Amino acid sequence: MAGNLIRSGFDSKSKEFTGVFEAVPNGKTVLYVNREYNYPSGVNIEVYPSGLGIKVEEKETNFFEIRYEGSENLILMVKVTADFGVNQE
């Protein structure tokens, strides 16, 4: 974790993970998601607030890198949810 973890939780029924942490400037966090076991139909990763120099990239299967390229510490929430293949418009 590139910063300090404030809280986290995982709902095993919905497969939803949330984590709140204080991100540090130019820091990165690697998030592991088990696609085979928890997210066989796909995974969605959202970071709030969006923008602000935050980038999410899957570096290799199951490993997502979250980078914060800001200049001050920032409280971020990361939300991981299952993608059930429903097209939402």
Protein backbone atom coordinates (compact mmCIF):
# COMPACT_ATOMS: atom_id res chain seq x y z
CA MET A 1 0.00 0.00 0.00
CA ALA A 2 1.43 3.35 -1.03
CA GLY A 3 0.35 5.15 2.10
CA ASN A 4 -1.62 4.21 5.19
CA LEU A 5 -4.53 1.79 5.14
CA ILE A 6 -7.47 3.30 7.03
CA ARG A 7 -10.00 0.47 6.62
CA SER A 8 -10.92 -2.36 4.31
CA GLY A 9 -13.62 -4.96 3.95
CA PHE A 10 -14.70 -7.83 1.73
CA ASP A 11 -18.23 -9.16 1.30
CA SER A 12 -17.83 -12.83 0.35
CA LYS A 13 -21.39 -13.07 -0.98
CA SER A 14 -21.31 -10.09 -3.37
CA LYS A 15 -17.52 -10.31 -3.89
CA GLU A 16 -17.25 -6.57 -3.22
CA PHE A 17 -14.03 -5.24 -1.73
CA THR A 18 -13.61 -1.71 -0.45
CA GLY A 19 -10.46 -0.16 0.87
CA VAL A 20 -9.83 3.36 2.12
CA PHE A 21 -6.30 4.63 2.43
CA GLU A 22 -4.24 7.77 2.56
CA ALA A 23 -2.22 7.82 -0.64
CA VAL A 24 1.17 9.49 -0.75
CA PRO A 25 2.44 11.57 -3.68
CA ASN A 26 3.91 9.52 -6.53
CA GLY A 27 3.04 6.32 -4.71
CA LYS A 28 1.73 3.06 -6.10
CA THR A 29 -0.25 0.21 -4.66
CA VAL A 30 -0.56 -3.28 -6.12
CA LEU A 31 -3.98 -4.85 -5.67
CA TYR A 32 -4.42 -8.60 -6.12
CA VAL A 33 -7.78 -9.90 -7.35
CA ASN A 34 -8.44 -13.61 -7.82
CA ARG A 35 -10.27 -13.70 -11.16
CA GLU A 36 -10.68 -17.49 -11.20
CA TYR A 37 -12.24 -17.79 -7.74
CA ASN A 38 -13.99 -14.45 -7.10
CA TYR A 39 -14.39 -12.75 -10.49
CA PRO A 40 -14.77 -15.37 -13.26
CA SER A 41 -17.05 -13.08 -15.34
CA GLY A 42 -14.76 -10.08 -15.00
CA VAL A 43 -13.84 -7.42 -12.48
CA ASN A 44 -14.45 -3.69 -12.11
CA ILE A 45 -12.06 -1.48 -10.17
CA GLU A 46 -13.08 2.05 -9.30
CA VAL A 47 -11.10 4.67 -7.39
CA TYR A 48 -12.71 7.67 -5.73
CA PRO A 49 -12.26 10.53 -6.14
CA SER A 50 -11.64 9.91 -9.83
CA GLY A 51 -9.04 11.77 -11.85
CA LEU A 52 -6.60 13.79 -9.75
CA GLY A 53 -3.61 11.97 -11.22
CA ILE A 54 -4.89 8.49 -10.32
CA LYS A 55 -4.24 5.68 -12.79
CA VAL A 56 -5.26 2.01 -12.62
CA GLU A 57 -3.56 -0.54 -14.82
CA GLU A 58 -3.52 -4.34 -14.86
CA LYS A 59 0.22 -5.09 -15.02
CA GLU A 60 -0.26 -8.84 -15.17
CA THR A 61 -3.21 -11.18 -14.68
CA ASN A 62 -4.82 -10.59 -11.27
CA PHE A 63 -2.43 -7.75 -10.32
CA PHE A 64 -3.63 -4.15 -10.65
CA GLU A 65 -1.35 -1.20 -10.04
CA ILE A 66 -2.96 1.95 -8.65
CA ARG A 67 -0.72 5.00 -9.05
CA TYR A 68 -1.25 8.42 -7.52
CA GLU A 69 0.73 11.12 -9.27
CA GLY A 70 -0.46 14.04 -7.16
CA SER A 71 1.60 16.39 -5.01
CA GLU A 72 -0.18 16.05 -1.64
CA ASN A 73 -1.48 13.18 0.47
CA LEU A 74 -5.02 12.19 -0.52
CA ILE A 75 -7.70 9.93 0.97
CA LEU A 76 -8.75 7.36 -1.66
CA MET A 77 -11.42 4.70 -1.73
CA VAL A 78 -10.89 1.66 -3.93
CA LYS A 79 -13.93 -0.43 -4.82
CA VAL A 80 -13.65 -3.84 -6.51
CA THR A 81 -16.83 -5.46 -7.82
CA ALA A 82 -17.72 -8.42 -10.00
CA ASP A 83 -18.62 -7.72 -13.60
CA PHE A 84 -21.70 -9.79 -14.36
CA GLY A 85 -21.65 -8.91 -18.05
CA VAL A 86 -24.67 -6.61 -17.81
CA ASN A 87 -24.39 -3.70 -20.25
CA GLN A 88 -25.29 -0.54 -18.35
CA GLU A 89 -25.93 2.58 -20.43
